[in-house]
Amino acid sequence: MDQTTPVLFTSREVADLLRVPLRTVEDWRVTRSGPPWLKLGRHVRYDRDELLAWVKERRHG
């Protein structure tokens, strides 16, 4: 994979990466309070770079 190919995560992979319940990731999506997501047909995916940027924006201290 080259650097222009996006790395996409499933909701389960996001939950595992962030160590939160899957339900939390789903709730974030419904309330639009979580990381940006893509809808590909009936599938929801999260771009790795956007996810990591979203996490860094929430850093305290």
N, C-alpha and C. Protein backbone atom coordinates (compact mmCIF):
# COMPACT_ATOMS: atom_id res chain seq x y z
N MET A 1 0.83 -1.19 0.00
CA MET A 1 0.00 0.00 0.00
C MET A 1 0.88 1.25 0.00
N ASP A 2 0.53 2.19 -0.82
CA ASP A 2 1.30 3.43 -0.83
C ASP A 2 0.67 4.45 0.11
N GLN A 3 1.28 5.60 0.23
CA GLN A 3 0.81 6.61 1.18
C GLN A 3 -0.48 7.28 0.76
N THR A 4 -0.91 7.11 -0.49
CA THR A 4 -2.14 7.74 -0.92
C THR A 4 -3.35 6.84 -0.69
N THR A 5 -3.12 5.58 -0.37
CA THR A 5 -4.21 4.65 -0.10
C THR A 5 -4.67 4.83 1.34
N PRO A 6 -5.92 5.19 1.56
CA PRO A 6 -6.39 5.40 2.93
C PRO A 6 -6.48 4.06 3.68
N VAL A 7 -6.20 4.12 4.97
CA VAL A 7 -6.37 2.97 5.84
C VAL A 7 -7.70 3.17 6.55
N LEU A 8 -8.62 2.24 6.37
CA LEU A 8 -9.95 2.36 6.94
C LEU A 8 -10.18 1.31 8.01
N PHE A 9 -10.81 1.73 9.11
CA PHE A 9 -11.13 0.85 10.22
C PHE A 9 -12.63 0.64 10.31
N THR A 10 -13.01 -0.53 10.78
CA THR A 10 -14.41 -0.79 11.11
C THR A 10 -14.72 -0.20 12.49
N SER A 11 -15.98 -0.16 12.84
CA SER A 11 -16.36 0.32 14.17
C SER A 11 -15.74 -0.55 15.26
N ARG A 12 -15.71 -1.85 15.05
CA ARG A 12 -15.11 -2.78 16.02
C ARG A 12 -13.62 -2.49 16.18
N GLU A 13 -12.93 -2.25 15.08
CA GLU A 13 -11.50 -1.96 15.15
C GLU A 13 -11.24 -0.64 15.88
N VAL A 14 -12.10 0.34 15.67
CA VAL A 14 -11.98 1.62 16.39
C VAL A 14 -12.18 1.39 17.88
N ALA A 15 -13.20 0.64 18.24
CA ALA A 15 -13.47 0.34 19.64
C ALA A 15 -12.28 -0.38 20.28
N ASP A 16 -11.73 -1.35 19.58
CA ASP A 16 -10.58 -2.08 20.11
C ASP A 16 -9.36 -1.18 20.25
N LEU A 17 -9.11 -0.34 19.25
CA LEU A 17 -7.97 0.56 19.27
C LEU A 17 -8.07 1.55 20.43
N LEU A 18 -9.26 2.10 20.63
CA LEU A 18 -9.45 3.11 21.68
C LEU A 18 -9.79 2.51 23.04
N ARG A 19 -9.98 1.18 23.05
CA ARG A 19 -10.30 0.45 24.28
C ARG A 19 -11.58 0.97 24.93
N VAL A 20 -12.59 1.11 24.09
CA VAL A 20 -13.92 1.49 24.55
C VAL A 20 -14.91 0.46 24.01
N PRO A 21 -16.08 0.35 24.62
CA PRO A 21 -17.08 -0.59 24.09
C PRO A 21 -17.54 -0.20 22.68
N LEU A 22 -17.89 -1.19 21.90
CA LEU A 22 -18.41 -0.95 20.56
C LEU A 22 -19.62 -0.03 20.62
N ARG A 23 -20.45 -0.22 21.62
CA ARG A 23 -21.65 0.61 21.78
C ARG A 23 -21.30 2.09 21.91
N THR A 24 -20.18 2.39 22.55
CA THR A 24 -19.74 3.78 22.69
C THR A 24 -19.44 4.38 21.33
N VAL A 25 -18.73 3.64 20.48
CA VAL A 25 -18.41 4.13 19.14
C VAL A 25 -19.70 4.34 18.35
N GLU A 26 -20.65 3.42 18.48
CA GLU A 26 -21.93 3.56 17.79
C GLU A 26 -22.69 4.78 18.29
N ASP A 27 -22.68 5.00 19.61
CA ASP A 27 -23.36 6.17 20.18
C ASP A 27 -22.72 7.46 19.69
N TRP A 28 -21.39 7.48 19.63
CA TRP A 28 -20.70 8.67 19.12
C TRP A 28 -21.15 8.99 17.71
N ARG A 29 -21.31 7.96 16.89
CA ARG A 29 -21.72 8.18 15.50
C ARG A 29 -23.14 8.73 15.44
N VAL A 30 -24.04 8.17 16.22
CA VAL A 30 -25.44 8.59 16.20
C VAL A 30 -25.58 10.03 16.69
N THR A 31 -24.82 10.39 17.71
CA THR A 31 -24.91 11.74 18.28
C THR A 31 -23.96 12.73 17.60
N ARG A 32 -23.19 12.23 16.64
CA ARG A 32 -22.21 13.05 15.91
C ARG A 32 -21.21 13.73 16.84
N SER A 33 -20.85 13.03 17.91
CA SER A 33 -19.87 13.57 18.85
C SER A 33 -18.54 12.84 18.76
N GLY A 34 -18.45 11.86 17.89
CA GLY A 34 -17.24 11.06 17.77
C GLY A 34 -16.41 11.42 16.56
N PRO A 35 -15.50 10.53 16.21
CA PRO A 35 -14.62 10.79 15.07
C PRO A 35 -15.38 10.79 13.75
N PRO A 36 -14.86 11.48 12.75
CA PRO A 36 -15.51 11.49 11.43
C PRO A 36 -15.56 10.07 10.86
N TRP A 37 -16.62 9.78 10.14
CA TRP A 37 -16.79 8.44 9.57
C TRP A 37 -17.30 8.53 8.15
N LEU A 38 -17.11 7.43 7.44
CA LEU A 38 -17.55 7.32 6.05
C LEU A 38 -18.62 6.26 5.95
N LYS A 39 -19.58 6.47 5.08
CA LYS A 39 -20.60 5.46 4.81
C LYS A 39 -20.33 4.94 3.40
N LEU A 40 -19.96 3.68 3.29
CA LEU A 40 -19.68 3.03 2.02
C LEU A 40 -20.75 1.97 1.80
N GLY A 41 -21.80 2.36 1.10
CA GLY A 41 -22.95 1.46 0.99
C GLY A 41 -23.58 1.35 2.36
N ARG A 42 -23.66 0.16 2.88
CA ARG A 42 -24.23 -0.03 4.22
C ARG A 42 -23.15 -0.16 5.29
N HIS A 43 -21.90 0.04 4.88
CA HIS A 43 -20.77 -0.15 5.79
C HIS A 43 -20.24 1.19 6.28
N VAL A 44 -19.92 1.24 7.56
CA VAL A 44 -19.33 2.43 8.17
C VAL A 44 -17.84 2.18 8.34
N ARG A 45 -17.04 3.14 7.94
CA ARG A 45 -15.59 3.04 8.07
C ARG A 45 -15.03 4.35 8.60
N TYR A 46 -13.88 4.22 9.26
CA TYR A 46 -13.18 5.37 9.84
C TYR A 46 -11.79 5.46 9.23
N ASP A 47 -11.45 6.62 8.71
CA ASP A 47 -10.12 6.85 8.15
C ASP A 47 -9.12 6.97 9.30
N ARG A 48 -8.02 6.23 9.20
CA ARG A 48 -7.02 6.20 10.27
C ARG A 48 -6.50 7.59 10.61
N ASP A 49 -6.14 8.37 9.61
CA ASP A 49 -5.57 9.69 9.87
C ASP A 49 -6.57 10.62 10.54
N GLU A 50 -7.82 10.58 10.11
CA GLU A 50 -8.86 11.41 10.73
C GLU A 50 -9.16 10.95 12.15
N LEU A 51 -9.13 9.65 12.37
CA LEU A 51 -9.36 9.11 13.71
C LEU A 51 -8.27 9.56 14.66
N LEU A 52 -7.01 9.44 14.24
CA LEU A 52 -5.90 9.85 15.10
C LEU A 52 -5.91 11.35 15.36
N ALA A 53 -6.28 12.14 14.36
CA ALA A 53 -6.39 13.59 14.56
C ALA A 53 -7.49 13.91 15.57
N TRP A 54 -8.62 13.20 15.48
CA TRP A 54 -9.73 13.40 16.42
C TRP A 54 -9.28 13.07 17.84
N VAL A 55 -8.53 12.01 18.00
CA VAL A 55 -8.02 11.62 19.32
C VAL A 55 -7.09 12.70 19.86
N LYS A 56 -6.18 13.19 19.05
CA LYS A 56 -5.21 14.19 19.49
C LYS A 56 -5.90 15.49 19.90
N GLU A 57 -7.02 15.83 19.26
CA GLU A 57 -7.77 17.04 19.61
C GLU A 57 -8.34 16.97 21.02
N ARG A 58 -8.49 15.77 21.55
CA ARG A 58 -9.09 15.59 22.87
C ARG A 58 -8.06 15.46 23.98
N ARG A 59 -6.81 15.66 23.65
CA ARG A 59 -5.75 15.51 24.63
C ARG A 59 -5.80 16.67 25.63
N HIS A 60 -5.62 16.33 26.89
CA HIS A 60 -5.60 17.32 27.96
C HIS A 60 -4.24 17.27 28.66
N GLY A 61 -3.80 18.42 29.08
CA GLY A 61 -2.57 18.46 29.87
C GLY A 61 -1.30 18.51 29.08
